[in-house]
PDB file of N, CA and C in Angstrom:
ATOM      1  N   MET A   1     -20.229-164.401 -27.869  1.00  0.00           N
ATOM      2  CA  MET A   1     -20.563-165.602 -27.443  1.00  0.00           C
ATOM      3  C   MET A   1     -19.183-166.601 -28.035  1.00  0.00           C
ATOM      4  N   ASN A   2     -18.514-167.572 -27.127  1.00  0.00           N
ATOM      5  CA  ASN A   2     -17.483-168.191 -27.591  1.00  0.00           C
ATOM      6  C   ASN A   2     -18.023-169.414 -28.407  1.00  0.00           C
ATOM      7  N   HIS A   3     -17.464-170.125 -29.464  1.00  0.00           N
ATOM      8  CA  HIS A   3     -17.707-171.124 -30.192  1.00  0.00           C
ATOM      9  C   HIS A   3     -16.503-172.159 -29.844  1.00  0.00           C
ATOM     10  N   TYR A   4     -16.550-173.306 -29.994  1.00  0.00           N
ATOM     11  CA  TYR A   4     -15.465-174.185 -29.554  1.00  0.00           C
ATOM     12  C   TYR A   4     -15.598-175.337 -30.469  1.00  0.00           C
ATOM     13  N   GLU A   5     -14.736-175.729 -31.254  1.00  0.00           N
ATOM     14  CA  GLU A   5     -14.794-176.687 -32.156  1.00  0.00           C
ATOM     15  C   GLU A   5     -14.394-177.825 -31.494  1.00  0.00           C
ATOM     16  N   ARG A   6     -15.187-179.052 -31.793  1.00  0.00           N
ATOM     17  CA  ARG A   6     -14.849-180.245 -31.065  1.00  0.00           C
ATOM     18  C   ARG A   6     -13.863-181.177 -31.954  1.00  0.00           C
ATOM     19  N   ILE A   7     -12.645-181.288 -31.292  1.00  0.00           N
ATOM     20  CA  ILE A   7     -11.522-182.388 -32.155  1.00  0.00           C
ATOM     21  C   ILE A   7     -11.628-183.797 -31.541  1.00  0.00           C
ATOM     22  N   ASP A   8     -11.743-184.590 -32.401  1.00  0.00           N
ATOM     23  CA  ASP A   8     -12.019-185.797 -32.147  1.00  0.00           C
ATOM     24  C   ASP A   8     -10.510-186.959 -31.956  1.00  0.00           C
ATOM     25  N   ARG A   9      -9.475-186.032 -32.789  1.00  0.00           N
ATOM     26  CA  ARG A   9      -8.087-186.898 -32.580  1.00  0.00           C
ATOM     27  C   ARG A   9      -7.597-186.275 -31.581  1.00  0.00           C
ATOM     28  N   LYS A  10      -6.627-187.226 -30.997  1.00  0.00           N
ATOM     29  CA  LYS A  10      -5.842-187.218 -29.741  1.00  0.00           C
ATOM     30  C   LYS A  10      -4.476-186.840 -30.016  1.00  0.00           C
ATOM     31  N   PRO A  11      -3.760-185.679 -29.527  1.00  0.00           N
ATOM     32  CA  PRO A  11      -2.674-185.223 -29.880  1.00  0.00           C
ATOM     33  C   PRO A  11      -1.539-186.343 -29.543  1.00  0.00           C
ATOM     34  N   GLN A  12      -0.592-186.524 -30.130  1.00  0.00           N
ATOM     35  CA  GLN A  12       0.470-187.544 -29.638  1.00  0.00           C
ATOM     36  C   GLN A  12       1.685-186.598 -29.175  1.00  0.00           C
ATOM     37  N   ALA A  13       1.898-186.842 -27.850  1.00  0.00           N
ATOM     38  CA  ALA A  13       3.144-186.129 -27.134  1.00  0.00           C
ATOM     39  C   ALA A  13       4.120-187.142 -27.644  1.00  0.00           C
ATOM     40  N   THR A  14       5.574-186.128 -27.181  1.00  0.00           N
ATOM     41  CA  THR A  14       6.797-186.829 -27.671  1.00  0.00           C
ATOM     42  C   THR A  14       7.617-186.812 -26.432  1.00  0.00           C
ATOM     43  N   ILE A  15       8.522-187.194 -26.479  1.00  0.00           N
ATOM     44  CA  ILE A  15       9.579-186.902 -25.391  1.00  0.00           C
ATOM     45  C   ILE A  15      10.856-186.343 -26.104  1.00  0.00           C
ATOM     46  N   GLY A  16      11.337-185.317 -25.817  1.00  0.00           N
ATOM     47  CA  GLY A  16      12.630-184.893 -26.579  1.00  0.00           C
ATOM     48  C   GLY A  16      13.515-184.360 -25.398  1.00  0.00           C
ATOM     49  N   GLN A  17      14.534-183.548 -25.754  1.00  0.00           N
ATOM     50  CA  GLN A  17      15.687-183.181 -25.033  1.00  0.00           C
ATOM     51  C   GLN A  17      16.146-181.659 -25.295  1.00  0.00           C
ATOM     52  N   VAL A  18      16.174-180.957 -24.035  1.00  0.00           N
ATOM     53  CA  VAL A  18      16.629-179.696 -24.427  1.00  0.00           C
ATOM     54  C   VAL A  18      18.162-179.315 -24.959  1.00  0.00           C
ATOM     55  N   VAL A  19      18.254-178.864 -26.052  1.00  0.00           N
ATOM     56  CA  VAL A  19      19.779-178.782 -26.597  1.00  0.00           C
ATOM     57  C   VAL A  19      20.293-177.463 -26.219  1.00  0.00           C
ATOM     58  N   ALA A  20      19.400-176.149 -26.334  1.00  0.00           N
ATOM     59  CA  ALA A  20      20.159-174.860 -26.320  1.00  0.00           C
ATOM     60  C   ALA A  20      18.773-174.163 -25.842  1.00  0.00           C
ATOM     61  N   VAL A  21      19.412-173.015 -24.614  1.00  0.00           N
ATOM     62  CA  VAL A  21      18.429-172.289 -24.330  1.00  0.00           C
ATOM     63  C   VAL A  21      19.300-170.741 -24.502  1.00  0.00           C
ATOM     64  N   GLY A  22      18.400-169.992 -24.831  1.00  0.00           N
ATOM     65  CA  GLY A  22      19.229-168.278 -25.400  1.00  0.00           C
ATOM     66  C   GLY A  22      18.082-167.664 -25.612  1.00  0.00           C
ATOM     67  N   SER A  23      17.881-167.181 -27.010  1.00  0.00           N
ATOM     68  CA  SER A  23      17.014-166.332 -27.286  1.00  0.00           C
ATOM     69  C   SER A  23      15.553-167.234 -27.560  1.00  0.00           C
ATOM     70  N   GLY A  24      15.781-168.333 -27.628  1.00  0.00           N
ATOM     71  CA  GLY A  24      14.707-169.237 -27.607  1.00  0.00           C
ATOM     72  C   GLY A  24      15.234-170.565 -26.786  1.00  0.00           C
ATOM     73  N   ILE A  25      14.253-171.649 -26.738  1.00  0.00           N
ATOM     74  CA  ILE A  25      14.461-173.031 -26.526  1.00  0.00           C
ATOM     75  C   ILE A  25      14.447-173.890 -27.629  1.00  0.00           C
ATOM     76  N   ASP A  26      15.572-174.689 -27.698  1.00  0.00           N
ATOM     77  CA  ASP A  26      15.602-175.457 -28.951  1.00  0.00           C
ATOM     78  C   ASP A  26      15.825-176.992 -28.389  1.00  0.00           C
ATOM     79  N   THR A  27      14.820-177.879 -28.918  1.00  0.00           N
ATOM     80  CA  THR A  27      14.906-179.357 -28.411  1.00  0.00           C
ATOM     81  C   THR A  27      15.001-180.050 -29.563  1.00  0.00           C
ATOM     82  N   ILE A  28      15.243-181.417 -29.089  1.00  0.00           N
ATOM     83  CA  ILE A  28      15.350-182.531 -30.306  1.00  0.00           C
ATOM     84  C   ILE A  28      14.211-183.641 -29.871  1.00  0.00           C
ATOM     85  N   ASP A  29      13.473-184.178 -30.763  1.00  0.00           N
ATOM     86  CA  ASP A  29      12.939-185.371 -30.430  1.00  0.00           C
ATOM     87  C   ASP A  29      13.119-186.197 -31.714  1.00  0.00           C
ATOM     88  N   LYS A  30      12.425-186.407 -32.658  1.00  0.00           N
ATOM     89  CA  LYS A  30      12.866-187.129 -33.686  1.00  0.00           C
ATOM     90  C   LYS A  30      13.400-185.903 -34.861  1.00  0.00           C
ATOM     91  N   ARG A  31      13.247-185.003 -34.457  1.00  0.00           N
ATOM     92  CA  ARG A  31      14.057-183.889 -35.632  1.00  0.00           C
ATOM     93  C   ARG A  31      14.086-182.893 -34.581  1.00  0.00           C
ATOM     94  N   GLU A  32      14.882-181.941 -35.040  1.00  0.00           N
ATOM     95  CA  GLU A  32      15.346-180.614 -34.130  1.00  0.00           C
ATOM     96  C   GLU A  32      14.283-179.550 -34.548  1.00  0.00           C
ATOM     97  N   LEU A  33      13.842-178.892 -33.361  1.00  0.00           N
ATOM     98  CA  LEU A  33      12.889-177.795 -33.089  1.00  0.00           C
ATOM     99  C   LEU A  33      13.677-176.488 -32.568  1.00  0.00           C
ATOM    100  N   LYS A  34      13.136-175.617 -33.195  1.00  0.00           N
ATOM    101  CA  LYS A  34      13.969-174.268 -32.783  1.00  0.00           C
ATOM    102  C   LYS A  34      12.870-173.505 -32.262  1.00  0.00           C
ATOM    103  N   LYS A  35      13.141-172.530 -31.229  1.00  0.00           N
ATOM    104  CA  LYS A  35      12.406-171.789 -30.488  1.00  0.00           C
ATOM    105  C   LYS A  35      11.198-172.511 -30.031  1.00  0.00           C
ATOM    106  N   VAL A  36      11.010-173.479 -29.101  1.00  0.00           N
ATOM    107  CA  VAL A  36       9.904-173.986 -28.770  1.00  0.00           C
ATOM    108  C   VAL A  36       9.446-173.174 -27.619  1.00  0.00           C
ATOM    109  N   LYS A  37       8.108-173.174 -27.654  1.00  0.00           N
ATOM    110  CA  LYS A  37       7.326-172.358 -26.504  1.00  0.00           C
ATOM    111  C   LYS A  37       6.906-173.231 -25.503  1.00  0.00           C
ATOM    112  N   GLN A  38       6.645-172.856 -24.345  1.00  0.00           N
ATOM    113  CA  GLN A  38       6.222-173.668 -23.072  1.00  0.00           C
ATOM    114  C   GLN A  38       5.023-173.424 -22.568  1.00  0.00           C
ATOM    115  N   ILE A  39       4.206-174.183 -21.936  1.00  0.00           N
ATOM    116  CA  ILE A  39       3.076-173.940 -21.396  1.00  0.00           C
ATOM    117  C   ILE A  39       3.368-174.004 -19.982  1.00  0.00           C
ATOM    118  N   LEU A  40       3.154-172.682 -19.345  1.00  0.00           N
ATOM    119  CA  LEU A  40       3.486-172.477 -17.833  1.00  0.00           C
ATOM    120  C   LEU A  40       2.224-171.817 -17.373  1.00  0.00           C
ATOM    121  N   PRO A  41       1.615-171.850 -16.057  1.00  0.00           N
ATOM    122  CA  PRO A  41       1.081-171.195 -15.218  1.00  0.00           C
ATOM    123  C   PRO A  41       1.434-169.582 -15.310  1.00  0.00           C
ATOM    124  N   PHE A  42       0.212-169.006 -15.301  1.00  0.00           N
ATOM    125  CA  PHE A  42       0.388-167.559 -15.437  1.00  0.00           C
ATOM    126  C   PHE A  42       1.063-167.051 -14.042  1.00  0.00           C
ATOM    127  N   GLY A  43       2.124-165.878 -14.614  1.00  0.00           N
ATOM    128  CA  GLY A  43       2.985-165.583 -13.424  1.00  0.00           C
ATOM    129  C   GLY A  43       4.166-166.233 -13.151  1.00  0.00           C
ATOM    130  N   ILE A  44       4.305-167.552 -13.697  1.00  0.00           N
ATOM    131  CA  ILE A  44       5.735-168.207 -13.730  1.00  0.00           C
ATOM    132  C   ILE A  44       6.345-168.291 -14.775  1.00  0.00           C
ATOM    133  N   THR A  45       7.889-167.889 -14.751  1.00  0.00           N
ATOM    134  CA  THR A  45       8.355-167.786 -15.896  1.00  0.00           C
ATOM    135  C   THR A  45       9.874-168.791 -15.440  1.00  0.00           C
ATOM    136  N   SER A  46      10.223-169.621 -16.487  1.00  0.00           N
ATOM    137  CA  SER A  46      11.015-170.799 -16.132  1.00  0.00           C
ATOM    138  C   SER A  46      11.652-171.047 -17.534  1.00  0.00           C
ATOM    139  N   TYR A  47      13.072-171.496 -17.476  1.00  0.00           N
ATOM    140  CA  TYR A  47      13.773-172.085 -18.544  1.00  0.00           C
ATOM    141  C   TYR A  47      14.292-173.282 -18.427  1.00  0.00           C
ATOM    142  N   PRO A  48      14.140-173.976 -19.150  1.00  0.00           N
ATOM    143  CA  PRO A  48      14.655-175.464 -18.813  1.00  0.00           C
ATOM    144  C   PRO A  48      16.401-175.398 -18.886  1.00  0.00           C
ATOM    145  N   ILE A  49      16.645-176.312 -18.259  1.00  0.00           N
ATOM    146  CA  ILE A  49      18.276-176.569 -18.422  1.00  0.00           C
ATOM    147  C   ILE A  49      18.684-177.570 -19.877  1.00  0.00           C
ATOM    148  N   GLU A  50      19.768-177.127 -20.411  1.00  0.00           N
ATOM    149  CA  GLU A  50      20.095-177.825 -21.778  1.00  0.00           C
ATOM    150  C   GLU A  50      20.295-179.390 -20.648  1.00  0.00           C
ATOM    151  N   GLY A  51      19.984-180.223 -21.633  1.00  0.00           N
ATOM    152  CA  GLY A  51      20.020-181.609 -21.208  1.00  0.00           C
ATOM    153  C   GLY A  51      18.614-182.329 -20.496  1.00  0.00           C
ATOM    154  N   GLU A  52      18.064-181.430 -20.163  1.00  0.00           N
ATOM    155  CA  GLU A  52      16.514-181.795 -19.483  1.00  0.00           C
ATOM    156  C   GLU A  52      15.951-182.643 -20.504  1.00  0.00           C
ATOM    157  N   THR A  53      15.080-183.736 -20.086  1.00  0.00           N
ATOM    158  CA  THR A  53      13.869-184.399 -20.898  1.00  0.00           C
ATOM    159  C   THR A  53      12.553-183.615 -20.748  1.00  0.00           C
ATOM    160  N   VAL A  54      11.930-183.371 -21.927  1.00  0.00           N
ATOM    161  CA  VAL A  54      10.851-182.883 -21.658  1.00  0.00           C
ATOM    162  C   VAL A  54       9.731-183.437 -22.592  1.00  0.00           C
ATOM    163  N   ILE A  55       8.371-183.012 -22.148  1.00  0.00           N
ATOM    164  CA  ILE A  55       7.362-183.827 -22.971  1.00  0.00           C
ATOM    165  C   ILE A  55       7.007-182.495 -23.955  1.00  0.00           C
ATOM    166  N   LEU A  56       6.771-183.098 -25.127  1.00  0.00           N
ATOM    167  CA  LEU A  56       6.611-182.025 -26.291  1.00  0.00           C
ATOM    168  C   LEU A  56       5.090-182.395 -26.780  1.00  0.00           C
ATOM    169  N   LEU A  57       4.226-181.211 -26.734  1.00  0.00           N
ATOM    170  CA  LEU A  57       2.834-181.479 -27.277  1.00  0.00           C
ATOM    171  C   LEU A  57       2.775-180.918 -28.761  1.00  0.00           C
ATOM    172  N   PRO A  58       1.816-181.447 -29.793  1.00  0.00           N
ATOM    173  CA  PRO A  58       1.797-180.824 -31.089  1.00  0.00           C
ATOM    174  C   PRO A  58       0.571-179.831 -30.668  1.00  0.00           C
ATOM    175  N   LEU A  59       0.845-178.836 -31.551  1.00  0.00           N
ATOM    176  CA  LEU A  59      -0.446-177.958 -31.966  1.00  0.00           C
ATOM    177  C   LEU A  59      -0.840-178.141 -33.036  1.00  0.00           C
ATOM    178  N   GLU A  60      -2.194-177.849 -33.327  1.00  0.00           N
ATOM    179  CA  GLU A  60      -2.912-177.920 -34.563  1.00  0.00           C
ATOM    180  C   GLU A  60      -2.380-177.269 -35.664  1.00  0.00           C
ATOM    181  N   ASN A  61      -1.614-176.013 -35.588  1.00  0.00           N
ATOM    182  CA  ASN A  61      -0.671-175.212 -36.562  1.00  0.00           C
ATOM    183  C   ASN A  61       0.532-175.735 -36.842  1.00  0.00           C
ATOM    184  N   GLY A  62       0.938-177.041 -36.168  1.00  0.00           N
ATOM    185  CA  GLY A  62       2.064-177.687 -36.575  1.00  0.00           C
ATOM    186  C   GLY A  62       3.113-177.472 -35.503  1.00  0.00           C
ATOM    187  N   GLU A  63       2.821-176.407 -34.724  1.00  0.00           N
ATOM    188  CA  GLU A  63       4.026-176.116 -33.581  1.00  0.00           C
ATOM    189  C   GLU A  63       3.994-176.892 -32.544  1.00  0.00           C
ATOM    190  N   GLN A  64       5.268-177.331 -31.774  1.00  0.00           N
ATOM    191  CA  GLN A  64       5.179-178.063 -30.570  1.00  0.00           C
ATOM    192  C   GLN A  64       5.336-177.208 -29.513  1.00  0.00           C
ATOM    193  N   VAL A  65       4.671-177.427 -28.172  1.00  0.00           N
ATOM    194  CA  VAL A  65       5.130-176.764 -27.181  1.00  0.00           C
ATOM    195  C   VAL A  65       5.635-177.845 -26.242  1.00  0.00           C
ATOM    196  N   ILE A  66       6.427-177.458 -25.201  1.00  0.00           N
ATOM    197  CA  ILE A  66       6.983-178.154 -24.248  1.00  0.00           C
ATOM    198  C   ILE A  66       5.680-178.039 -22.854  1.00  0.00           C
ATOM    199  N   LEU A  67       5.382-179.195 -22.701  1.00  0.00           N
ATOM    200  CA  LEU A  67       4.269-179.247 -21.818  1.00  0.00           C
ATOM    201  C   LEU A  67       4.791-179.227 -20.168  1.00  0.00           C
ATOM    202  N   GLY A  68       6.090-179.829 -20.291  1.00  0.00           N
ATOM    203  CA  GLY A  68       6.751-180.035 -18.927  1.00  0.00           C
ATOM    204  C   GLY A  68       7.995-180.762 -18.772  1.00  0.00           C
ATOM    205  N   ARG A  69       8.569-180.890 -18.052  1.00  0.00           N
ATOM    206  CA  ARG A  69       9.923-181.937 -17.768  1.00  0.00           C
ATOM    207  C   ARG A  69       9.745-183.175 -16.998  1.00  0.00           C
ATOM    208  N   ILE A  70      10.255-184.265 -17.224  1.00  0.00           N
ATOM    209  CA  ILE A  70      10.346-185.466 -16.786  1.00  0.00           C
ATOM    210  C   ILE A  70      11.548-185.519 -15.769  1.00  0.00           C
ATOM    211  N   TRP A  71      10.985-185.615 -14.439  1.00  0.00           N
ATOM    212  CA  TRP A  71      11.636-185.477 -13.345  1.00  0.00           C
ATOM    213  C   TRP A  71      11.716-185.816 -12.126  1.00  0.00           C
ATOM    214  N   ASP A  72      12.622-186.769 -11.508  1.00  0.00           N
ATOM    215  CA  ASP A  72      12.152-187.415 -10.445  1.00  0.00           C
ATOM    216  C   ASP A  72      12.880-186.448  -9.129  1.00  0.00           C
ATOM    217  N   SER A  73      12.002-185.913  -8.304  1.00  0.00           N
ATOM    218  CA  SER A  73      12.065-184.933  -7.613  1.00  0.00           C
ATOM    219  C   SER A  73      12.973-185.527  -6.150  1.00  0.00           C
ATOM    220  N   PRO A  74      14.291-184.833  -5.879  1.00  0.00           N
ATOM    221  CA  PRO A  74      15.191-185.639  -4.912  1.00  0.00           C
ATOM    222  C   PRO A  74      14.450-185.460  -3.543  1.00  0.00           C
ATOM    223  N   LYS A  75      13.351-184.640  -3.242  1.00  0.00           N
ATOM    224  CA  LYS A  75      12.620-184.423  -2.148  1.00  0.00           C
ATOM    225  C   LYS A  75      11.558-185.194  -2.277  1.00  0.00           C
ATOM    226  N   THR A  76      10.736-185.492  -0.980  1.00  0.00           N
ATOM    227  CA  THR A  76       9.477-186.320  -0.750  1.00  0.00           C
ATOM    228  C   THR A  76       8.568-185.712  -0.106  1.00  0.00           C
ATOM    229  N   ASN A  77       8.832-185.125   0.548  1.00  0.00           N
ATOM    230  CA  ASN A  77       7.512-184.330   1.591  1.00  0.00           C
ATOM    231  C   ASN A  77       7.245-183.029   1.125  1.00  0.00           C
ATOM    232  N   GLU A  78       7.377-182.158   0.164  1.00  0.00           N
ATOM    233  CA  GLU A  78       7.197-180.908   0.034  1.00  0.00           C
ATOM    234  C   GLU A  78       6.171-180.744  -0.863  1.00  0.00           C
ATOM    235  N   GLU A  79       5.385-179.746  -1.028  1.00  0.00           N
ATOM    236  CA  GLU A  79       4.197-179.586  -2.036  1.00  0.00           C
ATOM    237  C   GLU A  79       4.678-178.748  -3.058  1.00  0.00           C
ATOM    238  N   VAL A  80       5.818-177.642  -2.813  1.00  0.00           N
ATOM    239  CA  VAL A  80       6.099-177.024  -4.075  1.00  0.00           C
ATOM    240  C   VAL A  80       7.799-177.165  -3.961  1.00  0.00           C
ATOM    241  N   PHE A  81       8.527-177.279  -5.011  1.00  0.00           N
ATOM    242  CA  PHE A  81       9.590-177.336  -5.206  1.00  0.00           C
ATOM    243  C   PHE A  81      10.427-176.240  -6.163  1.00  0.00           C
ATOM    244  N   ILE A  82      11.180-175.137  -5.990  1.00  0.00           N
ATOM    245  CA  ILE A  82      11.450-174.457  -7.101  1.00  0.00           C
ATOM    246  C   ILE A  82      12.871-174.214  -7.116  1.00  0.00           C
ATOM    247  N   GLN A  83      13.633-174.581  -7.982  1.00  0.00           N
ATOM    248  CA  GLN A  83      14.985-175.001  -7.930  1.00  0.00           C
ATOM    249  C   GLN A  83      15.443-174.120  -9.298  1.00  0.00           C
ATOM    250  N   ALA A  84      16.625-173.605  -9.164  1.00  0.00           N
ATOM    251  CA  ALA A  84      17.362-172.820 -10.183  1.00  0.00           C
ATOM    252  C   ALA A  84      18.633-173.669 -10.916  1.00  0.00           C
ATOM    253  N   LYS A  85      18.870-173.300 -11.675  1.00  0.00           N
ATOM    254  CA  LYS A  85      20.052-174.164 -12.513  1.00  0.00           C
ATOM    255  C   LYS A  85      21.404-174.160 -11.612  1.00  0.00           C
ATOM    256  N   SER A  86      21.607-173.017 -10.691  1.00  0.00           N
ATOM    257  CA  SER A  86      22.893-172.943  -9.540  1.00  0.00           C
ATOM    258  C   SER A  86      22.343-173.833  -8.617  1.00  0.00           C
ATOM    259  N   GLY A  87      21.234-174.536  -8.368  1.00  0.00           N
ATOM    260  CA  GLY A  87      21.219-175.471  -7.309  1.00  0.00           C
ATOM    261  C   GLY A  87      20.351-174.766  -6.091  1.00  0.00           C
ATOM    262  N   ALA A  88      20.165-173.288  -6.115  1.00  0.00           N
ATOM    263  CA  ALA A  88      19.336-172.580  -5.184  1.00  0.00           C
ATOM    264  C   ALA A  88      18.014-173.033  -5.250  1.00  0.00           C
ATOM    265  N   TYR A  89      17.230-173.173  -3.917  1.00  0.00           N
ATOM    266  CA  TYR A  89      16.098-173.748  -4.118  1.00  0.00           C
ATOM    267  C   TYR A  89      15.062-172.998  -3.013  1.00  0.00           C
ATOM    268  N   ILE A  90      14.040-173.029  -3.281  1.00  0.00           N
ATOM    269  CA  ILE A  90      12.846-173.100  -2.363  1.00  0.00           C
ATOM    270  C   ILE A  90      11.971-173.934  -1.992  1.00  0.00           C
ATOM    271  N   CYS A  91      11.334-174.323  -1.173  1.00  0.00           N
ATOM    272  CA  CYS A  91      10.898-175.580  -0.853  1.00  0.00           C
ATOM    273  C   CYS A  91       9.479-175.081   0.479  1.00  0.00           C
ATOM    274  N   LEU A  92       8.401-175.325  -0.424  1.00  0.00           N
ATOM    275  CA  LEU A  92       7.426-175.104   0.682  1.00  0.00           C
ATOM    276  C   LEU A  92       6.952-176.526   0.932  1.00  0.00           C
ATOM    277  N   LYS A  93       7.039-176.692   2.419  1.00  0.00           N
ATOM    278  CA  LYS A  93       6.719-177.966   3.153  1.00  0.00           C
ATOM    279  C   LYS A  93       5.387-178.205   3.291  1.00  0.00           C
ATOM    280  N   LYS A  94       4.724-179.299   3.673  1.00  0.00           N
ATOM    281  CA  LYS A  94       3.431-179.823   3.806  1.00  0.00           C
ATOM    282  C   LYS A  94       3.268-179.110   5.070  1.00  0.00           C
ATOM    283  N   ASN A  95       3.991-179.239   6.078  1.00  0.00           N
ATOM    284  CA  ASN A  95       3.676-178.954   7.555  1.00  0.00           C
ATOM    285  C   ASN A  95       3.730-177.187   7.507  1.00  0.00           C
ATOM    286  N   GLY A  96       4.114-176.534   6.714  1.00  0.00           N
ATOM    287  CA  GLY A  96       3.972-174.807   6.697  1.00  0.00           C
ATOM    288  C   GLY A  96       5.247-174.366   6.776  1.00  0.00           C
ATOM    289  N   ASP A  97       6.347-175.242   6.903  1.00  0.00           N
ATOM    290  CA  ASP A  97       7.576-174.531   6.594  1.00  0.00           C
ATOM    291  C   ASP A  97       8.019-174.198   5.438  1.00  0.00           C
ATOM    292  N   VAL A  98       9.178-173.022   5.326  1.00  0.00           N
ATOM    293  CA  VAL A  98       9.703-172.608   3.924  1.00  0.00           C
ATOM    294  C   VAL A  98      10.933-173.145   4.182  1.00  0.00           C
ATOM    295  N   GLU A  99      11.637-173.491   3.131  1.00  0.00           N
ATOM    296  CA  GLU A  99      13.079-173.806   3.212  1.00  0.00           C
ATOM    297  C   GLU A  99      13.625-173.267   2.128  1.00  0.00           C
ATOM    298  N   ILE A 100      14.739-172.425   2.451  1.00  0.00           N
ATOM    299  CA  ILE A 100      15.543-171.762   1.330  1.00  0.00           C
ATOM    300  C   ILE A 100      16.730-172.001   1.398  1.00  0.00           C
ATOM    301  N   ASN A 101      17.411-172.670   0.509  1.00  0.00           N
ATOM    302  CA  ASN A 101      18.725-173.152   0.487  1.00  0.00           C
ATOM    303  C   ASN A 101      19.566-173.679   2.001  1.00  0.00           C
ATOM    304  N   ASN A 102      18.722-174.450   2.745  1.00  0.00           N
ATOM    305  CA  ASN A 102      18.631-175.160   3.621  1.00  0.00           C
ATOM    306  C   ASN A 102      18.451-174.357   5.054  1.00  0.00           C
ATOM    307  N   LEU A 103      18.008-173.119   4.845  1.00  0.00           N
ATOM    308  CA  LEU A 103      17.631-172.233   6.058  1.00  0.00           C
ATOM    309  C   LEU A 103      15.970-172.362   6.082  1.00  0.00           C
ATOM    310  N   ARG A 104      15.667-172.875   7.286  1.00  0.00           N
ATOM    311  CA  ARG A 104      14.214-173.315   7.328  1.00  0.00           C
ATOM    312  C   ARG A 104      13.463-172.324   8.161  1.00  0.00           C
ATOM    313  N   ILE A 105      12.173-171.913   7.697  1.00  0.00           N
ATOM    314  CA  ILE A 105      11.378-170.992   8.487  1.00  0.00           C
ATOM    315  C   ILE A 105      10.099-171.614   8.868  1.00  0.00           C
ATOM    316  N   ARG A 106      10.336-171.600  10.266  1.00  0.00           N
ATOM    317  CA  ARG A 106       8.868-172.330  10.717  1.00  0.00           C
ATOM    318  C   ARG A 106       7.475-171.583  10.578  1.00  0.00           C
ATOM    319  N   PRO A 107       6.302-171.896  10.822  1.00  0.00           N
ATOM    320  CA  PRO A 107       5.147-171.289  10.684  1.00  0.00           C
ATOM    321  C   PRO A 107       5.044-170.099  11.804  1.00  0.00           C
ATOM    322  N   ASP A 108       5.730-170.284  12.787  1.00  0.00           N
ATOM    323  CA  ASP A 108       5.637-169.381  14.005  1.00  0.00           C
ATOM    324  C   ASP A 108       6.825-168.150  14.045  1.00  0.00           C
ATOM    325  N   GLY A 109       7.540-168.282  12.697  1.00  0.00           N
ATOM    326  CA  GLY A 109       8.681-167.549  12.411  1.00  0.00           C
ATOM    327  C   GLY A 109      10.003-167.419  13.057  1.00  0.00           C
ATOM    328  N   GLN A 110      10.071-168.924  13.714  1.00  0.00           N
ATOM    329  CA  GLN A 110      11.373-169.501  14.133  1.00  0.00           C
ATOM    330  C   GLN A 110      12.129-169.757  12.651  1.00  0.00           C
ATOM    331  N   ILE A 111      13.508-169.435  13.060  1.00  0.00           N
ATOM    332  CA  ILE A 111      14.484-169.786  11.934  1.00  0.00           C
ATOM    333  C   ILE A 111      15.479-170.818  12.301  1.00  0.00           C
ATOM    334  N   GLU A 112      15.861-171.665  11.560  1.00  0.00           N
ATOM    335  CA  GLU A 112      16.631-172.825  11.638  1.00  0.00           C
ATOM    336  C   GLU A 112      17.634-172.929  10.852  1.00  0.00           C
ATOM    337  N   HIS A 113      18.857-173.161  10.854  1.00  0.00           N
ATOM    338  CA  HIS A 113      19.981-173.307  10.120  1.00  0.00           C
ATOM    339  C   HIS A 113      19.980-174.746   9.976  1.00  0.00           C
ATOM    340  N   ASN A 114      19.961-175.438   8.693  1.00  0.00           N
ATOM    341  CA  ASN A 114      20.197-176.657   8.749  1.00  0.00           C
ATOM    342  C   ASN A 114      21.563-177.249   8.315  1.00  0.00           C
TER     343      ASN A 114
END
């Protein structure tokens, strides 16, 4: 049986900036943090780009984790948008289309070059 302890205090998230990505992710908020971990869905691996603005959340053990990045998507009609540092992207559209680097695949299998 699992027992969970109620925590009455609310963690205070801060905004930081990614300053290095290598053997770990280093960020700066009011202080420099080394090898910060990220919270990601299972099966997803992602590395932030240096200079990105991120949300840092403190844990009870004193560590900080990256909760996500602050980003205004350049696209507006998609449900899922994945982009690499190189600019390559995959976009799953609400209408069922899949767009890969300006190549559009329609739900019926038709392929269009944008």
